[in-house]
Amino acid sequence: MKIIGKINFSKNVVAIAFLFVIGACNHNPVGADYTDTATSGEVTISVDESYTMLFDTQIYTFEALYPNAKVHVKYRTEPEALKDLMTDSSKVAIINRELTQQETKMFQKANIYPVTTKIAEDAVALIVNNKNHDTLFSVKQIKRFLAGEDTIWPSSKEKPLHIVFDNANSANYRFMKNLIENQGFGQNVFAVHSNTEVISYVSTHENAMGIIGVNWISDLDDTLTQSFLKEITVVSLTDEAYPNELTKFRKPMQAYIANKSYPLSRSVYMINRQTRAGLGTGFVSFVAGEKGQRIMKLAGLVPATIQVRLIQITNKPLN
């Protein structure tokens, strides 16, 4: 038995948890203009649409624990979520990247100093129709598909390959654009409007490959996820440019996301402009705390602020 990976506590969470405790102990708002505390009142957050299922659960659990708290959520594209944060129509944004230097300067110019907290390791999942026999790919192949350099399925001499995204402004779209170093996508690439539409399209088109957030197909206890998995197959990937019979292909499973052997992994962040002990800060603390992190784990993501041990078991005989 061998420990092959570990994730440690985030320093940001310690500070936020301290604010959360202070707010929870103080049932009166801090300042005459404030109507919320860390566990009561109302707050609006903007969440990348890729995490709809995940944050429906987080919010439901948080509000069940704190009946005097109401979290209003807007599921948005990444640019929209950041715009909400900048215009103060949302106190917290959940996206899968940190703020750029330019974005940070924009906030600071407005005298706003957001706190960024990493809450999970996530991944982009590739899916195909259940009748499609092409389910093993190298990242090099995927890049060629995206760039329109290869538009035919590997096992077919004539079946065209189409790639479908959830949204042309989504984090999934941006992530894959970065994968091909911001080259233009090929004419075989297009977008619909949501992750559910991607799954629906792939389930009815044998020549399609869909690109979605992994939490849509990773919570095996969720009935919606179970129904999705009956309709599609999740692709396995390798970083090796020229795979052979010894190549290990990985699906976006929790262990492979954690140890980075699944090549399309990424991080998830909560960006909070509410630096006092208000409900936005309280909700960030909850998601980054034990209960919120357990929800991350159940959803198939890798929790970022509790220790996770990946254990490799070998069948070697005992001496």
Protein backbone atom coordinates (compact mmCIF):
# COMPACT_ATOMS: atom_id res chain seq x y z
CA MET A 1 0.00 0.00 0.00
CA LYS A 2 1.49 3.27 -1.06
CA ILE A 3 0.28 6.87 -0.62
CA ILE A 4 0.65 8.56 -4.00
CA GLY A 5 -0.92 11.96 -3.42
CA LYS A 6 -2.26 14.41 -0.83
CA ILE A 7 -4.11 17.72 -0.78
CA ASN A 8 -3.64 20.06 2.19
CA PHE A 9 -5.66 22.81 3.85
CA SER A 10 -5.85 26.16 2.05
CA LYS A 11 -4.52 29.16 4.02
CA ASN A 12 -7.41 31.31 2.78
CA VAL A 13 -9.93 29.00 4.43
CA VAL A 14 -8.45 29.55 7.88
CA ALA A 15 -9.01 33.30 7.63
CA ILE A 16 -12.48 32.91 6.18
CA ALA A 17 -13.50 30.37 8.80
CA PHE A 18 -12.42 32.82 11.50
CA LEU A 19 -14.69 35.47 10.01
CA PHE A 20 -17.46 32.91 9.75
CA VAL A 21 -17.24 32.03 13.44
CA ILE A 22 -17.29 35.70 14.42
CA GLY A 23 -20.34 36.31 12.24
CA ALA A 24 -22.15 33.26 13.55
CA CYS A 25 -21.66 34.39 17.14
CA ASN A 26 -22.87 37.90 16.36
CA HIS A 27 -26.56 37.82 15.41
CA ASN A 28 -26.63 41.57 14.83
CA PRO A 29 -25.32 42.97 11.52
CA VAL A 30 -22.00 44.74 11.62
CA GLY A 31 -22.88 48.34 10.76
CA ALA A 32 -26.22 50.03 10.30
CA ASP A 33 -26.37 49.39 6.54
CA TYR A 34 -25.83 45.63 6.76
CA THR A 35 -28.78 43.25 6.88
CA ASP A 36 -26.89 39.96 6.79
CA THR A 37 -24.48 37.98 8.94
CA ALA A 38 -22.45 34.86 8.16
CA THR A 39 -25.51 32.67 8.80
CA SER A 40 -28.53 34.90 8.16
CA GLY A 41 -29.98 37.35 5.67
CA GLU A 42 -29.81 37.19 1.88
CA VAL A 43 -27.00 37.13 -0.65
CA THR A 44 -26.76 36.69 -4.43
CA ILE A 45 -24.01 34.59 -6.01
CA SER A 46 -23.11 33.85 -9.65
CA VAL A 47 -22.02 30.33 -10.54
CA ASP A 48 -20.53 28.96 -13.73
CA GLU A 49 -23.27 26.89 -15.39
CA SER A 50 -20.97 23.86 -15.36
CA TYR A 51 -21.57 23.59 -11.61
CA THR A 52 -25.36 23.84 -11.56
CA MET A 53 -25.99 20.40 -10.05
CA LEU A 54 -23.16 20.80 -7.55
CA PHE A 55 -24.22 24.19 -6.21
CA ASP A 56 -27.91 23.30 -6.13
CA THR A 57 -26.84 20.75 -3.51
CA GLN A 58 -24.46 23.10 -1.67
CA ILE A 59 -27.11 25.82 -1.38
CA TYR A 60 -29.87 23.40 -0.35
CA THR A 61 -27.68 21.99 2.44
CA PHE A 62 -26.50 25.41 3.64
CA GLU A 63 -30.04 26.78 3.84
CA ALA A 64 -31.24 23.64 5.63
CA LEU A 65 -28.55 24.15 8.29
CA TYR A 66 -29.19 27.91 8.55
CA PRO A 67 -32.95 28.56 8.05
CA ASN A 68 -32.47 32.33 8.35
CA ALA A 69 -30.12 32.36 5.34
CA LYS A 70 -31.20 32.70 1.72
CA VAL A 71 -28.71 32.28 -1.13
CA HIS A 72 -29.99 33.53 -4.48
CA VAL A 73 -28.06 31.94 -7.33
CA LYS A 74 -27.55 32.97 -10.95
CA TYR A 75 -26.11 30.29 -13.23
CA ARG A 76 -24.08 32.18 -15.77
CA THR A 77 -21.27 32.02 -18.28
CA GLU A 78 -17.84 32.81 -16.86
CA PRO A 79 -17.70 36.38 -18.27
CA GLU A 80 -21.21 37.07 -16.96
CA ALA A 81 -20.32 35.79 -13.49
CA LEU A 82 -17.29 38.09 -13.32
CA LYS A 83 -19.33 41.03 -14.59
CA ASP A 84 -21.88 40.38 -11.82
CA LEU A 85 -19.05 40.45 -9.30
CA MET A 86 -17.63 43.70 -10.63
CA THR A 87 -21.02 45.47 -10.73
CA ASP A 88 -21.93 44.20 -7.25
CA SER A 89 -25.02 42.36 -8.49
CA SER A 90 -23.39 39.29 -6.94
CA LYS A 91 -21.15 39.09 -3.89
CA VAL A 92 -19.51 35.79 -4.85
CA ALA A 93 -18.54 34.25 -8.19
CA ILE A 94 -17.72 30.57 -8.69
CA ILE A 95 -15.51 29.87 -11.72
CA ASN A 96 -12.62 27.54 -12.58
CA ARG A 97 -9.81 30.04 -12.72
CA GLU A 98 -8.33 32.81 -10.60
CA LEU A 99 -8.62 36.47 -11.50
CA THR A 100 -6.13 37.74 -14.07
CA GLN A 101 -3.79 40.61 -13.19
CA GLN A 102 -5.89 42.93 -15.33
CA GLU A 103 -9.11 41.89 -13.56
CA THR A 104 -7.47 42.30 -10.16
CA LYS A 105 -6.36 45.82 -11.07
CA MET A 106 -9.90 46.67 -12.18
CA PHE A 107 -11.28 45.61 -8.81
CA GLN A 108 -8.56 47.43 -6.91
CA LYS A 109 -9.22 50.58 -8.93
CA ALA A 110 -12.79 50.41 -7.61
CA ASN A 111 -11.37 49.90 -4.09
CA ILE A 112 -12.52 46.27 -4.03
CA TYR A 113 -10.16 43.53 -2.82
CA PRO A 114 -11.77 40.14 -3.53
CA VAL A 115 -10.69 37.05 -1.61
CA THR A 116 -10.14 33.96 -3.77
CA THR A 117 -10.57 30.51 -2.22
CA LYS A 118 -9.80 27.26 -4.02
CA ILE A 119 -12.59 24.78 -3.27
CA ALA A 120 -11.98 21.77 -5.51
CA GLU A 121 -10.11 20.04 -8.30
CA ASP A 122 -12.38 19.47 -11.26
CA ALA A 123 -12.08 18.26 -14.85
CA VAL A 124 -13.52 18.57 -18.32
CA ALA A 125 -15.18 15.35 -19.47
CA LEU A 126 -15.53 14.21 -23.07
CA ILE A 127 -18.57 12.10 -23.96
CA VAL A 128 -19.71 10.11 -26.99
CA ASN A 129 -22.84 8.26 -28.03
CA ASN A 130 -23.28 4.80 -26.51
CA LYS A 131 -23.19 3.24 -29.99
CA ASN A 132 -19.81 4.80 -30.75
CA HIS A 133 -16.88 2.42 -30.40
CA ASP A 134 -14.23 5.18 -30.39
CA THR A 135 -13.70 5.85 -26.67
CA LEU A 136 -9.89 5.95 -26.26
CA PHE A 137 -8.01 9.07 -27.37
CA SER A 138 -4.75 10.90 -26.89
CA VAL A 139 -4.76 14.60 -26.06
CA LYS A 140 -2.91 15.12 -29.34
CA GLN A 141 -5.88 13.61 -31.21
CA ILE A 142 -8.34 15.82 -29.32
CA LYS A 143 -6.32 18.91 -30.26
CA ARG A 144 -6.46 17.93 -33.92
CA PHE A 145 -10.23 17.38 -33.66
CA LEU A 146 -10.73 20.81 -32.10
CA ALA A 147 -8.59 22.57 -34.70
CA GLY A 148 -10.46 20.87 -37.53
CA GLU A 149 -7.33 19.04 -38.71
CA ASP A 150 -9.03 15.64 -38.30
CA THR A 151 -12.77 15.54 -38.87
CA ILE A 152 -13.36 11.80 -39.30
CA TRP A 153 -13.73 9.26 -36.48
CA PRO A 154 -10.57 7.11 -36.15
CA SER A 155 -12.39 3.79 -36.62
CA SER A 156 -14.27 5.04 -39.69
CA LYS A 157 -13.09 6.11 -43.13
CA GLU A 158 -16.12 8.28 -43.77
CA LYS A 159 -18.12 9.03 -40.59
CA PRO A 160 -17.74 12.77 -39.80
CA LEU A 161 -16.89 13.91 -36.29
CA HIS A 162 -18.64 16.89 -34.71
CA ILE A 163 -17.67 18.45 -31.36
CA VAL A 164 -20.31 20.21 -29.30
CA PHE A 165 -19.81 22.65 -26.38
CA ASP A 166 -22.28 23.87 -23.79
CA ASN A 167 -21.82 27.56 -24.65
CA ALA A 168 -19.47 29.66 -26.76
CA ASN A 169 -18.69 31.78 -23.65
CA SER A 170 -18.40 28.93 -21.16
CA ALA A 171 -15.44 27.92 -19.04
CA ASN A 172 -15.36 24.58 -20.89
CA TYR A 173 -15.03 26.46 -24.20
CA ARG A 174 -12.23 28.67 -22.82
CA PHE A 175 -10.39 25.69 -21.29
CA MET A 176 -10.33 23.77 -24.56
CA LYS A 177 -9.40 26.89 -26.51
CA ASN A 178 -6.39 27.22 -24.22
CA LEU A 179 -5.59 23.57 -24.89
CA ILE A 180 -4.99 24.39 -28.55
CA GLU A 181 -3.18 27.60 -27.60
CA ASN A 182 -6.02 29.86 -28.72
CA GLN A 183 -6.04 28.66 -32.31
CA GLY A 184 -9.37 28.87 -34.06
CA PHE A 185 -11.73 25.92 -33.71
CA GLY A 186 -12.55 23.94 -36.82
CA GLN A 187 -15.84 24.13 -38.69
CA ASN A 188 -16.78 20.81 -37.07
CA VAL A 189 -17.02 22.53 -33.65
CA PHE A 190 -20.17 24.28 -32.45
CA ALA A 191 -22.02 25.22 -29.25
CA VAL A 192 -25.52 24.78 -27.86
CA HIS A 193 -26.77 26.44 -24.65
CA SER A 194 -26.07 24.18 -21.66
CA ASN A 195 -24.40 21.00 -20.42
CA THR A 196 -27.74 19.18 -20.48
CA GLU A 197 -28.19 20.14 -24.15
CA VAL A 198 -24.73 18.73 -24.91
CA ILE A 199 -25.67 15.42 -23.28
CA SER A 200 -28.99 15.36 -25.12
CA TYR A 201 -27.33 16.08 -28.47
CA VAL A 202 -24.65 13.40 -28.03
CA SER A 203 -27.24 10.84 -26.94
CA THR A 204 -29.07 11.27 -30.26
CA HIS A 205 -26.11 11.76 -32.62
CA GLU A 206 -23.67 8.90 -33.09
CA ASN A 207 -21.05 11.11 -34.75
CA ALA A 208 -20.87 13.71 -31.92
CA MET A 209 -18.36 14.26 -29.12
CA GLY A 210 -19.55 16.45 -26.26
CA ILE A 211 -17.53 18.55 -23.83
CA ILE A 212 -19.03 19.04 -20.36
CA GLY A 213 -18.11 19.61 -16.71
CA VAL A 214 -17.34 16.35 -14.95
CA ASN A 215 -19.80 16.90 -12.09
CA TRP A 216 -22.66 16.29 -14.55
CA ILE A 217 -21.71 12.62 -14.83
CA SER A 218 -19.65 11.87 -11.69
CA ASP A 219 -22.22 11.73 -8.86
CA LEU A 220 -23.26 8.09 -9.24
CA ASP A 221 -25.87 8.36 -6.47
CA ASP A 222 -27.74 11.11 -8.29
CA THR A 223 -30.73 9.91 -10.34
CA LEU A 224 -30.17 12.56 -13.02
CA THR A 225 -26.55 11.46 -13.43
CA GLN A 226 -27.68 7.84 -13.67
CA SER A 227 -30.07 8.74 -16.47
CA PHE A 228 -27.32 10.65 -18.31
CA LEU A 229 -24.91 7.72 -18.10
CA LYS A 230 -27.47 5.42 -19.72
CA GLU A 231 -27.35 7.61 -22.81
CA ILE A 232 -23.65 8.36 -23.29
CA THR A 233 -20.14 6.94 -22.77
CA VAL A 234 -17.34 8.85 -21.04
CA VAL A 235 -14.11 9.01 -23.07
CA SER A 236 -10.75 7.86 -21.66
CA LEU A 237 -7.64 9.96 -22.39
CA THR A 238 -3.86 9.76 -22.34
CA ASP A 239 -1.13 12.38 -22.59
CA GLU A 240 0.99 10.03 -24.69
CA ALA A 241 1.23 11.30 -28.26
CA TYR A 242 1.46 7.80 -29.78
CA PRO A 243 -0.50 5.31 -27.63
CA ASN A 244 0.14 1.58 -27.85
CA GLU A 245 -1.19 -1.57 -26.19
CA LEU A 246 0.63 -0.66 -22.94
CA THR A 247 -0.77 2.88 -22.72
CA LYS A 248 -2.90 3.69 -19.68
CA PHE A 249 -5.99 5.65 -20.61
CA ARG A 250 -7.79 7.53 -17.83
CA LYS A 251 -11.39 8.57 -17.37
CA PRO A 252 -12.11 11.72 -15.31
CA MET A 253 -12.44 9.76 -12.08
CA GLN A 254 -11.71 11.32 -8.69
CA ALA A 255 -8.41 9.51 -8.11
CA TYR A 256 -7.05 10.40 -11.55
CA ILE A 257 -8.10 14.03 -11.21
CA ALA A 258 -6.37 14.21 -7.83
CA ASN A 259 -3.05 12.79 -9.00
CA LYS A 260 -3.20 14.72 -12.32
CA SER A 261 -3.02 11.57 -14.45
CA TYR A 262 -6.26 12.60 -16.14
CA PRO A 263 -4.96 15.30 -18.52
CA LEU A 264 -7.94 17.70 -18.58
CA SER A 265 -8.03 18.60 -14.88
CA ARG A 266 -8.61 22.12 -13.53
CA SER A 267 -9.34 23.92 -10.25
CA VAL A 268 -12.53 25.58 -8.98
CA TYR A 269 -12.50 28.89 -7.08
CA MET A 270 -14.93 31.03 -5.11
CA ILE A 271 -14.16 34.74 -5.52
CA ASN A 272 -15.71 36.79 -2.72
CA ARG A 273 -15.92 40.59 -2.80
CA GLN A 274 -17.62 40.64 0.63
CA THR A 275 -14.60 40.78 2.92
CA ARG A 276 -16.62 41.36 6.08
CA ALA A 277 -18.43 38.55 7.94
CA GLY A 278 -21.57 38.67 5.81
CA LEU A 279 -23.58 35.85 4.28
CA GLY A 280 -21.34 35.68 1.21
CA THR A 281 -18.33 35.05 3.43
CA GLY A 282 -20.35 32.58 5.48
CA PHE A 283 -21.33 30.60 2.40
CA VAL A 284 -17.73 30.49 1.12
CA SER A 285 -16.64 29.23 4.53
CA PHE A 286 -19.32 26.54 4.43
CA VAL A 287 -18.34 25.28 0.96
CA ALA A 288 -14.64 25.32 1.93
CA GLY A 289 -15.38 23.65 5.27
CA GLU A 290 -15.99 20.03 6.20
CA LYS A 291 -19.65 19.71 5.13
CA GLY A 292 -19.20 21.56 1.85
CA GLN A 293 -16.08 19.57 1.01
CA ARG A 294 -17.89 16.29 1.65
CA ILE A 295 -20.47 17.40 -0.91
CA MET A 296 -17.60 18.05 -3.36
CA LYS A 297 -16.31 14.54 -2.76
CA LEU A 298 -19.73 12.93 -3.24
CA ALA A 299 -20.14 14.88 -6.49
CA GLY A 300 -16.94 13.29 -7.86
CA LEU A 301 -14.71 16.34 -7.51
CA VAL A 302 -11.56 16.39 -5.40
CA PRO A 303 -12.06 18.54 -2.27
CA ALA A 304 -9.36 21.19 -1.96
CA THR A 305 -9.34 22.04 1.74
CA ILE A 306 -9.31 18.69 3.48
CA GLN A 307 -6.65 16.03 3.24
CA VAL A 308 -7.25 13.42 0.56
CA ARG A 309 -5.10 10.33 0.39
CA LEU A 310 -4.84 8.30 -2.77
CA ILE A 311 -3.88 4.73 -2.00
CA GLN A 312 -2.39 2.38 -4.55
CA ILE A 313 -2.96 -1.28 -3.71
CA THR A 314 -0.71 -3.94 -5.21
CA ASN A 315 -1.21 -7.68 -5.10
CA LYS A 316 2.34 -8.54 -4.14
CA PRO A 317 2.65 -11.58 -1.83
CA LEU A 318 3.53 -10.90 1.80
CA ASN A 319 6.98 -12.01 2.97
